[in-house]
Amino acid sequence: MPREIWVLVAAALAVALGYGIVAPIIPQFARSFDVSITAASALTSVFAGTRLLFATPGGKLIDTFGERKMYMTGLLIVAVSSAASGFAQSYVQLLVLRGLGGIGSIVFSVSAMSLIIKLSPPDHRGRASSLYGSAFLLGNILGPSLGSLLAVWGMRLPFFIYAGTLFIAFLVILIALPEPERELPGKDGVAEAPMTVGEAITSPTYRAVLVTGFAHAWTNMGVRLTMIPLAVGVAAGYDDWVSGAALTAGAIGTAISLLVAGSWSDQYGRMKIIVPGLFASGLMTIVFGNLDNPYLLVGVCLLTGLGAGLIQPGQQGAVADVLDGRAGGKVVSTFQMAGDVGQIVGPLLAGLLADHLGYSAAFTISGIILIAAILAWLPARGDAYRGYRASEQ
């Protein structure tokens, strides 16, 4: 694996560690301004909303100025907004600053994925994605534990720590990652223009990846993280340890899958790894919604995490396969936008289902959405079994 990939992985770990420290504090900090629970929840929505709104402009900026410059710019925007949040004197100030943070977040996350795609060896794209995803997962697991230890120092300190970890990531990229080639020569030795979304959408693999990204974010990144504490703790009335253990088991399952999912998708093809992941995580989500034993719930969450971990490396590798060496910030940002839409809409609609039909219906529908995403891969089966096209030539 090239040295540059490890540099990106190190930067990702720093970012995720800081985010893991600050994320649990944000709703509590908002409530300290005497606002409602709905208003506190709006901080998550405004962050996701600005990410969604600036995904397409962010992709265009990346194509114009390059991935490395925009990655560092995005890191600085989030670092400044986080540090300023620590000084916020009102809820409105905090809301505006979180929105600005969302802009920086989409810029640096799309840039980072574009760099992973550009710098990965074609036959190691899935493995590179696994390493990057594992760094984020590790940071998000360790961060809340460190954050709880720092809670005695007040709710403002985590914002400054997050700003510090973002600045460390900025320095890592500035010092250790050289400016990559902007464009690779085409077939006639002439640099190719960045791929447009219109070009990418003609690929059945890219269309399948958009559907998968939406469904994966809806259920595995949105509904499970939002609804499990409510379903297990509030509705079922189990002890506090059950929801924590369920979420932890899901994270452990995902981490285990990430160890092998990337290399498997490189070796056996994207579709052969993504489809079982969609089916397993979808089926286990349905099962979860129909159990009433706390120990079985935790075990099913582990299995759900195992399935979810198979999806992410393969779909990012598939995006890289579609680009096939060309720049394509808009192509990457559209993929991320599909996930953002799923992560916003999924919990909202699942909440409505839970209110009117119960939690079982909410988890069942969410699981069905994952399984239904398998259908999107049927037209792609001819070019998604083996990710690296050049290996077939």
Protein backbone atom coordinates (compact mmCIF):
# COMPACT_ATOMS: atom_id res chain seq x y z
CA MET A 1 0.00 0.00 0.00
CA PRO A 2 1.49 3.40 -0.96
CA ARG A 3 2.79 5.67 1.77
CA GLU A 4 0.24 8.34 0.78
CA ILE A 5 -2.65 6.05 1.74
CA TRP A 6 -1.23 5.61 5.23
CA VAL A 7 -0.93 9.41 5.52
CA LEU A 8 -4.63 9.74 4.69
CA VAL A 9 -5.48 6.98 7.18
CA ALA A 10 -3.53 8.80 9.93
CA ALA A 11 -5.36 12.06 9.16
CA ALA A 12 -8.70 10.23 9.21
CA LEU A 13 -7.95 8.77 12.64
CA ALA A 14 -7.20 12.24 14.03
CA VAL A 15 -10.43 13.66 12.59
CA ALA A 16 -12.59 10.76 13.77
CA LEU A 17 -11.09 10.77 17.26
CA GLY A 18 -11.92 14.44 17.73
CA TYR A 19 -15.40 14.02 16.29
CA GLY A 20 -16.04 11.04 18.57
CA ILE A 21 -15.13 13.22 21.55
CA VAL A 22 -17.40 16.14 20.63
CA ALA A 23 -20.42 14.42 19.04
CA PRO A 24 -22.08 13.17 22.27
CA ILE A 25 -21.66 16.62 23.85
CA ILE A 26 -23.35 18.68 21.12
CA PRO A 27 -27.03 18.02 22.10
CA GLN A 28 -26.24 18.55 25.78
CA PHE A 29 -24.42 21.80 25.03
CA ALA A 30 -27.40 23.02 23.01
CA ARG A 31 -29.76 22.19 25.88
CA SER A 32 -27.61 24.34 28.19
CA PHE A 33 -29.06 27.36 26.32
CA ASP A 34 -32.56 26.36 27.56
CA VAL A 35 -33.87 25.19 24.20
CA SER A 36 -36.20 22.29 23.45
CA ILE A 37 -35.13 18.76 22.56
CA THR A 38 -36.31 19.43 19.00
CA ALA A 39 -34.09 22.51 18.78
CA ALA A 40 -31.14 20.53 20.12
CA SER A 41 -31.76 17.82 17.52
CA ALA A 42 -31.82 20.50 14.80
CA LEU A 43 -28.05 20.88 15.20
CA THR A 44 -27.63 17.45 13.62
CA SER A 45 -30.10 18.30 10.87
CA VAL A 46 -28.48 21.62 9.95
CA PHE A 47 -25.06 19.98 9.78
CA ALA A 48 -26.35 17.24 7.49
CA GLY A 49 -28.41 19.76 5.51
CA THR A 50 -25.47 22.02 4.68
CA ARG A 51 -23.43 18.97 3.73
CA LEU A 52 -26.17 18.06 1.29
CA LEU A 53 -26.57 21.57 -0.14
CA PHE A 54 -22.85 22.05 -0.71
CA ALA A 55 -22.06 18.57 -2.04
CA THR A 56 -22.33 19.58 -5.72
CA PRO A 57 -20.52 22.95 -5.37
CA GLY A 58 -17.87 21.18 -3.29
CA GLY A 59 -17.30 18.63 -6.04
CA LYS A 60 -16.88 21.43 -8.57
CA LEU A 61 -14.33 23.20 -6.35
CA ILE A 62 -12.37 19.96 -6.00
CA ASP A 63 -12.27 19.52 -9.78
CA THR A 64 -11.10 23.14 -10.13
CA PHE A 65 -8.49 23.48 -7.39
CA GLY A 66 -7.49 19.89 -6.65
CA GLU A 67 -8.20 17.38 -3.90
CA ARG A 68 -5.30 18.17 -1.56
CA LYS A 69 -5.95 21.94 -1.41
CA MET A 70 -9.66 21.48 -0.84
CA TYR A 71 -9.07 18.74 1.75
CA MET A 72 -6.93 21.12 3.81
CA THR A 73 -9.42 23.97 3.25
CA GLY A 74 -12.28 21.82 4.50
CA LEU A 75 -10.32 20.77 7.57
CA LEU A 76 -9.59 24.40 8.45
CA ILE A 77 -13.25 25.42 8.00
CA VAL A 78 -14.42 22.72 10.41
CA ALA A 79 -11.58 23.46 12.84
CA VAL A 80 -12.42 27.18 12.99
CA SER A 81 -16.17 26.52 13.30
CA SER A 82 -15.56 23.98 16.07
CA ALA A 83 -13.30 26.30 18.05
CA ALA A 84 -15.82 29.13 17.62
CA SER A 85 -18.60 26.79 18.82
CA GLY A 86 -16.69 26.42 22.06
CA PHE A 87 -17.08 30.18 22.56
CA ALA A 88 -20.76 30.29 21.50
CA GLN A 89 -22.92 32.43 23.79
CA SER A 90 -26.31 31.54 22.33
CA TYR A 91 -28.14 28.73 20.58
CA VAL A 92 -28.40 30.73 17.35
CA GLN A 93 -24.62 31.19 17.26
CA LEU A 94 -24.13 27.47 17.79
CA LEU A 95 -26.65 26.64 15.04
CA VAL A 96 -24.92 28.90 12.50
CA LEU A 97 -21.48 27.55 13.37
CA ARG A 98 -22.65 23.95 13.01
CA GLY A 99 -24.00 24.82 9.58
CA LEU A 100 -20.62 26.25 8.57
CA GLY A 101 -19.00 23.09 9.88
CA GLY A 102 -21.18 21.03 7.56
CA ILE A 103 -19.80 22.95 4.57
CA GLY A 104 -16.23 22.15 5.58
CA SER A 105 -17.17 18.55 6.35
CA ILE A 106 -18.49 17.78 2.87
CA VAL A 107 -15.50 19.50 1.25
CA PHE A 108 -12.88 17.53 3.15
CA SER A 109 -14.75 14.20 3.11
CA VAL A 110 -15.27 14.28 -0.68
CA SER A 111 -11.67 15.41 -1.15
CA ALA A 112 -10.40 12.58 1.05
CA MET A 113 -12.39 9.96 -0.84
CA SER A 114 -11.19 11.40 -4.15
CA LEU A 115 -7.59 11.15 -2.93
CA ILE A 116 -8.09 7.55 -1.81
CA ILE A 117 -9.47 6.75 -5.26
CA LYS A 118 -6.65 8.55 -7.09
CA LEU A 119 -3.74 7.27 -5.00
CA SER A 120 -4.81 3.64 -4.48
CA PRO A 121 -3.28 0.96 -6.72
CA PRO A 122 -6.13 -0.24 -8.98
CA ASP A 123 -6.02 -3.77 -7.57
CA HIS A 124 -6.01 -2.51 -3.94
CA ARG A 125 -8.84 0.04 -4.06
CA GLY A 126 -11.11 -1.94 -1.77
CA ARG A 127 -8.36 -2.54 0.77
CA ALA A 128 -7.43 1.15 0.81
CA SER A 129 -11.07 2.03 1.45
CA SER A 130 -11.19 -0.53 4.29
CA LEU A 131 -8.14 1.01 5.94
CA TYR A 132 -9.63 4.49 5.70
CA GLY A 133 -13.01 3.33 7.00
CA SER A 134 -11.36 1.41 9.85
CA ALA A 135 -9.53 4.56 10.96
CA PHE A 136 -12.81 6.45 11.16
CA LEU A 137 -14.50 3.59 12.99
CA LEU A 138 -11.66 3.30 15.52
CA GLY A 139 -11.76 7.04 16.17
CA ASN A 140 -15.53 7.00 16.62
CA ILE A 141 -15.26 4.10 19.09
CA LEU A 142 -12.42 5.59 21.17
CA GLY A 143 -13.64 9.20 21.01
CA PRO A 144 -16.77 8.92 23.20
CA SER A 145 -14.80 7.05 25.87
CA LEU A 146 -12.22 9.84 26.00
CA GLY A 147 -14.99 12.41 25.91
CA SER A 148 -16.63 10.94 29.00
CA LEU A 149 -13.34 11.27 30.88
CA LEU A 150 -13.08 14.92 29.85
CA ALA A 151 -16.68 15.73 30.80
CA VAL A 152 -15.59 16.91 34.27
CA TRP A 153 -13.86 19.87 32.57
CA GLY A 154 -17.07 21.18 31.07
CA MET A 155 -18.92 20.98 27.76
CA ARG A 156 -16.86 23.56 25.89
CA LEU A 157 -13.52 21.76 26.07
CA PRO A 158 -14.44 18.98 23.56
CA PHE A 159 -15.02 21.60 20.86
CA PHE A 160 -11.48 22.90 21.30
CA ILE A 161 -10.08 19.38 21.32
CA TYR A 162 -11.91 18.59 18.05
CA ALA A 163 -10.48 21.77 16.53
CA GLY A 164 -7.03 20.64 17.66
CA THR A 165 -7.34 17.16 16.12
CA LEU A 166 -8.53 18.72 12.86
CA PHE A 167 -5.51 21.02 12.83
CA ILE A 168 -3.26 18.02 13.45
CA ALA A 169 -4.85 16.33 10.43
CA PHE A 170 -4.24 19.53 8.44
CA LEU A 171 -0.53 19.47 9.37
CA VAL A 172 -0.26 15.77 8.51
CA ILE A 173 -1.60 16.44 5.01
CA LEU A 174 0.44 19.63 4.58
CA ILE A 175 3.75 18.02 5.57
CA ALA A 176 3.47 14.37 4.59
CA LEU A 177 1.22 14.33 1.51
CA PRO A 178 2.68 15.78 -1.69
CA GLU A 179 0.45 17.38 -4.30
CA PRO A 180 -0.85 14.50 -6.46
CA GLU A 181 -1.04 14.61 -10.23
CA ARG A 182 -4.12 16.64 -11.19
CA GLU A 183 -4.98 14.59 -14.26
CA LEU A 184 -3.75 11.37 -15.75
CA PRO A 185 -2.95 11.08 -19.47
CA GLY A 186 -5.69 9.64 -21.63
CA LYS A 187 -5.32 7.06 -24.34
CA ASP A 188 -3.70 9.57 -26.74
CA GLY A 189 -1.40 11.07 -24.11
CA VAL A 190 -3.76 14.03 -23.57
CA ALA A 191 -5.07 14.72 -20.08
CA GLU A 192 -8.74 13.82 -19.73
CA ALA A 193 -11.24 16.28 -18.30
CA PRO A 194 -12.92 15.34 -15.00
CA MET A 195 -15.73 12.83 -15.42
CA THR A 196 -19.20 14.32 -15.21
CA VAL A 197 -22.13 12.82 -13.32
CA GLY A 198 -23.91 12.42 -16.66
CA GLU A 199 -21.09 10.18 -17.89
CA ALA A 200 -20.93 8.21 -14.65
CA ILE A 201 -24.68 7.61 -14.50
CA THR A 202 -24.49 5.67 -17.79
CA SER A 203 -22.61 2.98 -15.85
CA PRO A 204 -24.93 0.42 -14.21
CA THR A 205 -22.30 0.01 -11.49
CA TYR A 206 -22.48 3.70 -10.58
CA ARG A 207 -26.28 3.61 -10.52
CA ALA A 208 -26.14 0.56 -8.23
CA VAL A 209 -23.66 2.34 -5.96
CA LEU A 210 -25.98 5.35 -5.60
CA VAL A 211 -28.88 3.08 -4.61
CA THR A 212 -26.65 1.12 -2.22
CA GLY A 213 -25.24 4.28 -0.64
CA PHE A 214 -28.75 5.60 -0.03
CA ALA A 215 -30.03 2.34 1.47
CA HIS A 216 -26.90 1.72 3.55
CA ALA A 217 -27.01 5.23 5.03
CA TRP A 218 -30.78 5.02 5.61
CA THR A 219 -30.62 1.85 7.69
CA ASN A 220 -27.08 1.13 8.89
CA MET A 221 -25.92 4.69 9.49
CA GLY A 222 -29.22 6.42 10.27
CA VAL A 223 -32.02 4.24 11.59
CA ARG A 224 -29.95 1.80 13.63
CA LEU A 225 -27.98 4.50 15.47
CA THR A 226 -31.07 6.63 16.08
CA MET A 227 -33.75 4.04 16.77
CA ILE A 228 -31.91 1.35 18.74
CA PRO A 229 -31.55 3.47 21.94
CA LEU A 230 -35.22 4.49 21.66
CA ALA A 231 -36.53 1.00 20.89
CA VAL A 232 -34.39 -0.79 23.47
CA GLY A 233 -34.30 1.76 26.26
CA VAL A 234 -37.48 3.82 26.03
CA ALA A 235 -39.98 1.42 24.42
CA ALA A 236 -38.82 -1.95 25.74
CA GLY A 237 -37.64 -0.60 29.08
CA TYR A 238 -34.43 -2.65 29.21
CA ASP A 239 -31.51 -1.59 31.38
CA ASP A 240 -29.17 1.12 30.07
CA TRP A 241 -26.45 -1.42 29.30
CA VAL A 242 -28.54 -3.08 26.58
CA SER A 243 -28.63 -0.16 24.14
CA GLY A 244 -24.95 0.58 24.75
CA ALA A 245 -24.02 -3.06 24.26
CA ALA A 246 -26.15 -3.28 21.11
CA LEU A 247 -24.49 -0.27 19.50
CA THR A 248 -21.04 -1.47 20.56
CA ALA A 249 -21.71 -4.96 19.17
CA GLY A 250 -22.70 -3.41 15.84
CA ALA A 251 -19.48 -1.39 15.75
CA ILE A 252 -17.41 -4.47 16.60
CA GLY A 253 -19.11 -6.47 13.84
CA THR A 254 -18.41 -3.70 11.34
CA ALA A 255 -14.78 -3.52 12.42
CA ILE A 256 -14.34 -7.28 11.97
CA SER A 257 -15.82 -7.14 8.46
CA LEU A 258 -13.68 -4.18 7.47
CA LEU A 259 -10.57 -6.25 8.14
CA VAL A 260 -11.39 -8.48 5.17
CA ALA A 261 -14.08 -6.74 3.10
CA GLY A 262 -11.70 -4.52 1.16
CA SER A 263 -9.31 -7.25 0.10
CA TRP A 264 -12.20 -9.59 -0.70
CA SER A 265 -13.84 -7.00 -2.95
CA ASP A 266 -10.52 -6.53 -4.77
CA GLN A 267 -10.07 -10.27 -5.13
CA TYR A 268 -13.61 -11.49 -5.87
CA GLY A 269 -15.33 -8.35 -7.19
CA ARG A 270 -17.49 -5.62 -5.70
CA MET A 271 -20.88 -7.24 -6.28
CA LYS A 272 -19.97 -10.56 -4.66
CA ILE A 273 -19.18 -8.76 -1.40
CA ILE A 274 -21.73 -5.94 -1.40
CA VAL A 275 -24.79 -8.10 -2.15
CA PRO A 276 -24.24 -10.50 0.81
CA GLY A 277 -23.64 -7.46 3.01
CA LEU A 278 -26.93 -5.89 1.95
CA PHE A 279 -28.83 -9.13 2.49
CA ALA A 280 -27.26 -9.95 5.87
CA SER A 281 -27.63 -6.49 7.38
CA GLY A 282 -31.15 -6.13 5.96
CA LEU A 283 -32.32 -9.50 7.26
CA MET A 284 -30.81 -8.93 10.71
CA THR A 285 -32.43 -5.48 10.89
CA ILE A 286 -35.82 -7.12 10.30
CA VAL A 287 -35.08 -9.79 12.92
CA PHE A 288 -33.99 -7.13 15.43
CA GLY A 289 -37.35 -5.42 15.19
CA ASN A 290 -39.16 -8.61 16.15
CA LEU A 291 -37.11 -9.78 19.17
CA ASP A 292 -37.85 -9.28 22.85
CA ASN A 293 -34.78 -10.83 24.45
CA PRO A 294 -31.97 -8.36 25.33
CA TYR A 295 -29.17 -10.87 24.82
CA LEU A 296 -30.47 -11.91 21.41
CA LEU A 297 -30.80 -8.23 20.48
CA VAL A 298 -27.11 -7.66 21.18
CA GLY A 299 -26.15 -10.79 19.22
CA VAL A 300 -28.26 -9.74 16.23
CA CYS A 301 -26.62 -6.29 16.28
CA LEU A 302 -23.24 -8.00 15.99
CA LEU A 303 -24.45 -9.88 12.91
CA THR A 304 -25.94 -6.70 11.46
CA GLY A 305 -22.59 -4.97 11.88
CA LEU A 306 -20.83 -7.84 10.13
CA GLY A 307 -23.10 -7.37 7.13
CA ALA A 308 -22.81 -3.58 7.15
CA GLY A 309 -19.01 -3.76 7.16
CA LEU A 310 -19.04 -5.65 3.86
CA ILE A 311 -20.79 -2.81 2.04
CA GLN A 312 -18.69 0.35 2.44
CA PRO A 313 -15.29 -0.71 1.00
CA GLY A 314 -16.88 -2.37 -2.01
CA GLN A 315 -19.04 0.61 -2.95
CA GLN A 316 -16.17 3.08 -2.65
CA GLY A 317 -14.03 0.72 -4.70
CA ALA A 318 -16.81 0.57 -7.29
CA VAL A 319 -16.83 4.37 -7.58
CA ALA A 320 -13.08 4.23 -8.17
CA ASP A 321 -13.62 1.58 -10.85
CA VAL A 322 -16.13 3.82 -12.63
CA LEU A 323 -13.73 6.77 -12.58
CA ASP A 324 -10.88 4.47 -13.69
CA GLY A 325 -8.12 6.99 -13.05
CA ARG A 326 -9.99 10.14 -14.10
CA ALA A 327 -10.73 13.02 -11.79
CA GLY A 328 -14.36 13.33 -10.80
CA GLY A 329 -15.13 15.44 -7.76
CA LYS A 330 -18.79 15.79 -8.76
CA VAL A 331 -19.08 12.04 -9.26
CA VAL A 332 -17.76 11.42 -5.74
CA SER A 333 -19.83 14.21 -4.17
CA THR A 334 -23.02 12.84 -5.79
CA PHE A 335 -22.28 9.43 -4.28
CA GLN A 336 -21.83 11.04 -0.86
CA MET A 337 -24.99 13.09 -1.39
CA ALA A 338 -27.00 9.89 -1.93
CA GLY A 339 -25.79 8.71 1.46
CA ASP A 340 -26.55 12.04 3.14
CA VAL A 341 -30.12 11.96 1.80
CA GLY A 342 -30.60 8.44 3.16
CA GLN A 343 -29.16 9.38 6.54
CA ILE A 344 -31.48 12.39 6.81
CA VAL A 345 -34.70 10.87 5.48
CA GLY A 346 -34.33 7.37 6.99
CA PRO A 347 -34.54 8.23 10.70
CA LEU A 348 -37.36 10.73 10.09
CA LEU A 349 -39.59 8.26 8.24
CA ALA A 350 -38.65 5.44 10.61
CA GLY A 351 -39.70 7.67 13.49
CA LEU A 352 -43.08 8.27 11.86
CA LEU A 353 -43.50 4.52 11.32
CA ALA A 354 -42.60 3.85 14.95
CA ASP A 355 -45.10 6.45 16.18
CA HIS A 356 -48.00 5.05 14.13
CA LEU A 357 -47.19 1.36 13.60
CA GLY A 358 -44.56 0.53 16.21
CA TYR A 359 -40.81 -0.07 16.24
CA SER A 360 -41.15 -3.47 14.62
CA ALA A 361 -42.58 -1.88 11.47
CA ALA A 362 -39.84 0.76 11.44
CA PHE A 363 -37.04 -1.84 11.54
CA THR A 364 -38.83 -4.17 9.12
CA ILE A 365 -39.24 -1.49 6.44
CA SER A 366 -35.66 -0.34 6.94
CA GLY A 367 -34.39 -3.89 6.50
CA ILE A 368 -36.49 -4.39 3.37
CA ILE A 369 -34.96 -1.22 1.86
CA LEU A 370 -31.48 -2.74 2.25
CA ILE A 371 -32.51 -6.05 0.70
CA ALA A 372 -34.33 -4.27 -2.16
CA ALA A 373 -31.09 -2.44 -3.03
CA ILE A 374 -29.74 -5.81 -4.26
CA LEU A 375 -31.98 -5.43 -7.32
CA ALA A 376 -29.94 -2.43 -8.43
CA TRP A 377 -26.90 -4.68 -8.88
CA LEU A 378 -28.56 -7.06 -11.35
CA PRO A 379 -27.91 -4.80 -14.39
CA ALA A 380 -24.35 -4.26 -13.12
CA ARG A 381 -23.42 -7.90 -12.74
CA GLY A 382 -21.52 -7.92 -16.03
CA ASP A 383 -18.95 -5.34 -14.90
CA ALA A 384 -19.09 -5.51 -11.11
CA TYR A 385 -17.78 -8.99 -10.40
CA ARG A 386 -14.20 -7.87 -10.81
CA GLY A 387 -13.41 -4.31 -9.88
CA TYR A 388 -10.13 -3.72 -11.68
CA ARG A 389 -10.92 -3.71 -15.38
CA ALA A 390 -7.29 -3.58 -16.48
CA SER A 391 -6.68 -6.97 -14.86
CA GLU A 392 -9.04 -8.52 -17.43
CA GLN A 393 -7.18 -7.14 -20.41
